[in-house]
Amino acid sequence: MPISGVGAVMENIHYILTLGILSTTLPYALLSYGLEKTDASTGSLLTLVTFPLASIVLAYIVISEIVSLRTYLGGSLLILAGMVVLLKWKHKRHFLAH
């Protein structure tokens, strides 16, 4: 039977608030702090890679979501793509500086 209605929301409000704080407020606060300490290109790359991965980890920890093989593969591809882009960008930047 699906959970719906105001009563169900009120019964689970602590889960809803925890997910809201952990998956939205905290990451954006940390992102803002991190962007102050790095340049924009590094910050945007880290954002593209870390937000999806952090969401997967939080879903596993907070709501015990089962992480499938496809999720592991997707996360690995995100990390690999981020590393490739970062290495190419640093190489290009180094080449242009000389």
C-alpha atoms as a PDB file:
ATOM      1  CA  MET A   1       0.000   0.000   0.000  1.00  0.00           C
ATOM      2  CA  PRO A   2       1.531   3.374  -0.964  1.00  0.00           C
ATOM      3  CA  ILE A   3       2.182   5.932   1.733  1.00  0.00           C
ATOM      4  CA  SER A   4       0.293   9.142   1.083  1.00  0.00           C
ATOM      5  CA  GLY A   5      -1.533  11.926   2.853  1.00  0.00           C
ATOM      6  CA  VAL A   6      -0.700  14.504   5.463  1.00  0.00           C
ATOM      7  CA  GLY A   7      -0.627  11.936   8.267  1.00  0.00           C
ATOM      8  CA  ALA A   8       2.076   9.925   6.544  1.00  0.00           C
ATOM      9  CA  VAL A   9       4.120  13.070   5.957  1.00  0.00           C
ATOM     10  CA  MET A  10       3.865  14.079   9.599  1.00  0.00           C
ATOM     11  CA  GLU A  11       4.847  10.588  10.755  1.00  0.00           C
ATOM     12  CA  ASN A  12       7.990  10.755   8.618  1.00  0.00           C
ATOM     13  CA  ILE A  13       8.800  14.455   9.007  1.00  0.00           C
ATOM     14  CA  HIS A  14      12.098  13.728  10.794  1.00  0.00           C
ATOM     15  CA  TYR A  15      13.267  11.683   7.787  1.00  0.00           C
ATOM     16  CA  ILE A  16      12.172  14.397   5.381  1.00  0.00           C
ATOM     17  CA  LEU A  17      13.949  17.119   7.347  1.00  0.00           C
ATOM     18  CA  THR A  18      17.100  15.014   7.770  1.00  0.00           C
ATOM     19  CA  LEU A  19      17.274  14.329   4.049  1.00  0.00           C
ATOM     20  CA  GLY A  20      16.648  17.992   3.279  1.00  0.00           C
ATOM     21  CA  ILE A  21      19.403  19.140   5.578  1.00  0.00           C
ATOM     22  CA  LEU A  22      21.923  16.439   4.682  1.00  0.00           C
ATOM     23  CA  SER A  23      21.328  16.381   0.946  1.00  0.00           C
ATOM     24  CA  THR A  24      20.707  20.071   0.258  1.00  0.00           C
ATOM     25  CA  THR A  25      21.695  22.521   2.981  1.00  0.00           C
ATOM     26  CA  LEU A  26      24.976  20.972   4.096  1.00  0.00           C
ATOM     27  CA  PRO A  27      26.359  20.260   0.590  1.00  0.00           C
ATOM     28  CA  TYR A  28      25.546  23.749  -0.665  1.00  0.00           C
ATOM     29  CA  ALA A  29      27.110  25.356   2.403  1.00  0.00           C
ATOM     30  CA  LEU A  30      30.255  23.281   1.875  1.00  0.00           C
ATOM     31  CA  LEU A  31      30.194  24.077  -1.847  1.00  0.00           C
ATOM     32  CA  SER A  32      30.025  27.808  -1.153  1.00  0.00           C
ATOM     33  CA  TYR A  33      32.932  27.538   1.249  1.00  0.00           C
ATOM     34  CA  GLY A  34      34.947  25.460  -1.227  1.00  0.00           C
ATOM     35  CA  LEU A  35      34.302  27.827  -4.135  1.00  0.00           C
ATOM     36  CA  GLU A  36      35.775  30.644  -2.081  1.00  0.00           C
ATOM     37  CA  LYS A  37      38.993  28.628  -1.773  1.00  0.00           C
ATOM     38  CA  THR A  38      39.351  27.398  -5.390  1.00  0.00           C
ATOM     39  CA  ASP A  39      38.974  28.791  -8.881  1.00  0.00           C
ATOM     40  CA  ALA A  40      35.680  28.463 -10.754  1.00  0.00           C
ATOM     41  CA  SER A  41      36.715  25.697 -13.161  1.00  0.00           C
ATOM     42  CA  THR A  42      37.984  23.414 -10.408  1.00  0.00           C
ATOM     43  CA  GLY A  43      34.913  24.131  -8.317  1.00  0.00           C
ATOM     44  CA  SER A  44      32.505  23.350 -11.140  1.00  0.00           C
ATOM     45  CA  LEU A  45      34.285  20.105 -11.962  1.00  0.00           C
ATOM     46  CA  LEU A  46      34.226  19.000  -8.352  1.00  0.00           C
ATOM     47  CA  THR A  47      30.544  19.872  -8.140  1.00  0.00           C
ATOM     48  CA  LEU A  48      29.681  17.803 -11.192  1.00  0.00           C
ATOM     49  CA  VAL A  49      31.502  14.794  -9.787  1.00  0.00           C
ATOM     50  CA  THR A  50      30.863  14.974  -6.052  1.00  0.00           C
ATOM     51  CA  PHE A  51      27.164  15.851  -5.849  1.00  0.00           C
ATOM     52  CA  PRO A  52      25.897  12.688  -7.551  1.00  0.00           C
ATOM     53  CA  LEU A  53      28.328  10.546  -5.576  1.00  0.00           C
ATOM     54  CA  ALA A  54      27.404  12.190  -2.285  1.00  0.00           C
ATOM     55  CA  SER A  55      23.729  11.613  -3.044  1.00  0.00           C
ATOM     56  CA  ILE A  56      24.363   7.910  -3.566  1.00  0.00           C
ATOM     57  CA  VAL A  57      26.299   7.608  -0.313  1.00  0.00           C
ATOM     58  CA  LEU A  58      23.693   9.553   1.677  1.00  0.00           C
ATOM     59  CA  ALA A  59      20.847   7.492   0.222  1.00  0.00           C
ATOM     60  CA  TYR A  60      22.641   4.348   1.349  1.00  0.00           C
ATOM     61  CA  ILE A  61      23.387   5.686   4.835  1.00  0.00           C
ATOM     62  CA  VAL A  62      20.145   7.517   5.593  1.00  0.00           C
ATOM     63  CA  ILE A  63      17.454   5.397   3.930  1.00  0.00           C
ATOM     64  CA  SER A  64      19.373   2.144   3.405  1.00  0.00           C
ATOM     65  CA  GLU A  65      18.930   2.256  -0.352  1.00  0.00           C
ATOM     66  CA  ILE A  66      20.513  -0.724  -2.035  1.00  0.00           C
ATOM     67  CA  VAL A  67      23.395   0.318  -4.279  1.00  0.00           C
ATOM     68  CA  SER A  68      23.334  -1.689  -7.496  1.00  0.00           C
ATOM     69  CA  LEU A  69      26.190  -2.634  -9.787  1.00  0.00           C
ATOM     70  CA  ARG A  70      24.942  -0.042 -12.290  1.00  0.00           C
ATOM     71  CA  THR A  71      25.242   2.620  -9.612  1.00  0.00           C
ATOM     72  CA  TYR A  72      28.827   1.601  -8.859  1.00  0.00           C
ATOM     73  CA  LEU A  73      29.653   1.638 -12.567  1.00  0.00           C
ATOM     74  CA  GLY A  74      28.012   5.024 -13.046  1.00  0.00           C
ATOM     75  CA  GLY A  75      29.877   6.478 -10.081  1.00  0.00           C
ATOM     76  CA  SER A  76      33.147   5.064 -11.384  1.00  0.00           C
ATOM     77  CA  LEU A  77      32.494   6.613 -14.789  1.00  0.00           C
ATOM     78  CA  LEU A  78      31.805   9.988 -13.161  1.00  0.00           C
ATOM     79  CA  ILE A  79      35.074   9.863 -11.255  1.00  0.00           C
ATOM     80  CA  LEU A  80      37.013   8.755 -14.325  1.00  0.00           C
ATOM     81  CA  ALA A  81      35.450  11.438 -16.534  1.00  0.00           C
ATOM     82  CA  GLY A  82      36.224  14.094 -13.952  1.00  0.00           C
ATOM     83  CA  MET A  83      39.832  12.983 -13.729  1.00  0.00           C
ATOM     84  CA  VAL A  84      40.235  12.983 -17.518  1.00  0.00           C
ATOM     85  CA  VAL A  85      38.765  16.471 -17.857  1.00  0.00           C
ATOM     86  CA  LEU A  86      40.877  17.817 -15.006  1.00  0.00           C
ATOM     87  CA  LEU A  87      44.081  16.312 -16.385  1.00  0.00           C
ATOM     88  CA  LYS A  88      43.386  17.643 -19.887  1.00  0.00           C
ATOM     89  CA  TRP A  89      42.580  21.076 -18.501  1.00  0.00           C
ATOM     90  CA  LYS A  90      45.759  21.193 -16.414  1.00  0.00           C
ATOM     91  CA  HIS A  91      47.825  19.983 -19.365  1.00  0.00           C
ATOM     92  CA  LYS A  92      46.300  22.631 -21.653  1.00  0.00           C
ATOM     93  CA  ARG A  93      46.823  25.335 -19.039  1.00  0.00           C
ATOM     94  CA  HIS A  94      50.466  24.285 -18.581  1.00  0.00           C
ATOM     95  CA  PHE A  95      51.012  24.221 -22.353  1.00  0.00           C
ATOM     96  CA  LEU A  96      49.544  27.718 -22.808  1.00  0.00           C
ATOM     97  CA  ALA A  97      51.681  29.130 -19.994  1.00  0.00           C
ATOM     98  CA  HIS A  98      54.928  28.204 -21.813  1.00  0.00           C
END
